[in-house]
Amino acid sequence: FRAFYGRHESAEIQQQQQQQQQQQEMHQKVSSMEIKTQQQQQEETQS
């Protein structure tokens, strides 16, 4: 029983780490999209 509990616990930790990774990737995508829109706006104002 204890071995199963330990395995279950480590599986939960892996899930949490995966969720954190996904959140970081989403944040990077969003920030890069924001940078792109800012660059486009700058180009529009310059022209």
C-alpha atoms as a PDB file:
ATOM      1  CA  PHE A   1       0.000   0.000   0.000  1.00  0.00           C
ATOM      2  CA  ARG A   2       2.776   2.413   0.881  1.00  0.00           C
ATOM      3  CA  ALA A   3       4.591   1.733  -2.409  1.00  0.00           C
ATOM      4  CA  PHE A   4       1.408   2.477  -4.334  1.00  0.00           C
ATOM      5  CA  TYR A   5       0.898   5.695  -2.380  1.00  0.00           C
ATOM      6  CA  GLY A   6       4.434   6.838  -3.154  1.00  0.00           C
ATOM      7  CA  ARG A   7       3.952   6.108  -6.842  1.00  0.00           C
ATOM      8  CA  HIS A   8       0.660   7.995  -6.854  1.00  0.00           C
ATOM      9  CA  GLU A   9       2.321  10.951  -5.159  1.00  0.00           C
ATOM     10  CA  SER A  10       5.155  11.123  -7.694  1.00  0.00           C
ATOM     11  CA  ALA A  11       2.599  10.945 -10.536  1.00  0.00           C
ATOM     12  CA  GLU A  12       0.804  13.956  -9.062  1.00  0.00           C
ATOM     13  CA  ILE A  13       4.091  15.859  -8.835  1.00  0.00           C
ATOM     14  CA  GLN A  14       4.812  15.081 -12.497  1.00  0.00           C
ATOM     15  CA  GLN A  15       1.369  16.385 -13.439  1.00  0.00           C
ATOM     16  CA  GLN A  16       1.984  19.623 -11.530  1.00  0.00           C
ATOM     17  CA  GLN A  17       5.346  20.090 -13.266  1.00  0.00           C
ATOM     18  CA  GLN A  18       3.733  19.519 -16.658  1.00  0.00           C
ATOM     19  CA  GLN A  19       1.027  22.084 -15.858  1.00  0.00           C
ATOM     20  CA  GLN A  20       3.669  24.618 -14.835  1.00  0.00           C
ATOM     21  CA  GLN A  21       5.569  23.988 -18.075  1.00  0.00           C
ATOM     22  CA  GLN A  22       2.403  24.470 -20.121  1.00  0.00           C
ATOM     23  CA  GLN A  23       1.647  27.729 -18.291  1.00  0.00           C
ATOM     24  CA  GLN A  24       5.182  28.997 -18.942  1.00  0.00           C
ATOM     25  CA  GLU A  25       4.930  28.084 -22.633  1.00  0.00           C
ATOM     26  CA  MET A  26       1.562  29.832 -22.902  1.00  0.00           C
ATOM     27  CA  HIS A  27       3.018  32.913 -21.204  1.00  0.00           C
ATOM     28  CA  GLN A  28       5.977  32.935 -23.603  1.00  0.00           C
ATOM     29  CA  LYS A  29       3.649  32.643 -26.595  1.00  0.00           C
ATOM     30  CA  VAL A  30       1.459  35.485 -25.319  1.00  0.00           C
ATOM     31  CA  SER A  31       4.427  37.762 -24.580  1.00  0.00           C
ATOM     32  CA  SER A  32       5.967  37.070 -27.999  1.00  0.00           C
ATOM     33  CA  MET A  33       2.610  37.835 -29.639  1.00  0.00           C
ATOM     34  CA  GLU A  34       2.438  41.111 -27.707  1.00  0.00           C
ATOM     35  CA  ILE A  35       5.945  42.013 -28.880  1.00  0.00           C
ATOM     36  CA  LYS A  36       4.947  41.287 -32.491  1.00  0.00           C
ATOM     37  CA  THR A  37       1.872  43.533 -32.277  1.00  0.00           C
ATOM     38  CA  GLN A  38       3.975  46.299 -30.718  1.00  0.00           C
ATOM     39  CA  GLN A  39       6.488  46.041 -33.572  1.00  0.00           C
ATOM     40  CA  GLN A  40       3.667  46.185 -36.121  1.00  0.00           C
ATOM     41  CA  GLN A  41       2.228  49.280 -34.440  1.00  0.00           C
ATOM     42  CA  GLN A  42       5.634  50.971 -34.477  1.00  0.00           C
ATOM     43  CA  GLU A  43       6.060  50.208 -38.185  1.00  0.00           C
ATOM     44  CA  GLU A  44       2.609  51.616 -38.923  1.00  0.00           C
ATOM     45  CA  THR A  45       3.314  54.855 -37.066  1.00  0.00           C
ATOM     46  CA  GLN A  46       6.701  55.239 -38.775  1.00  0.00           C
ATOM     47  CA  SER A  47       5.346  54.837 -42.295  1.00  0.00           C
END
